[in-house]
Amino acid sequence: MLGQGRRRRRGRRGRFPKPVRVGITPPIIGLTPNPPRGLVPIHIDRAELEAFRLVDLEGLSQEQAGQRMGVSRGTVWRILQSARRKTAQALTEGRPLQIV
């Protein structure tokens, strides 16, 4: 796999997350709609993009995606939910989507 995704824990408590293996580096760093300008961008993590790609584009199960990313199925589910929410928000609000 190409790189390790660096993630942070949410809040002050809990254990630090496992590193996520990311299979590709996207050829772009963002998606910006044409009409509105000056809107606050929505940031999507590389791990979120990878889970989104594996499950929704390649059609893998969450279990298979977890094996490819080196994390549990539950972690893939949480990352995938976040990616889908951010993508839907960017599309419906016309906000830029940046990959970080």
Foldseek 3Di string as FASTA:
>chain_A
DPDWFQDADPDDDDDGDDTWDADDDDPDFKDADPDDPDDDEAEQESLLVRLCCVCVVVPDQLQVSCVNGVHHSVVSVVSPVVSVVNVVCCVVVRHMYGYD
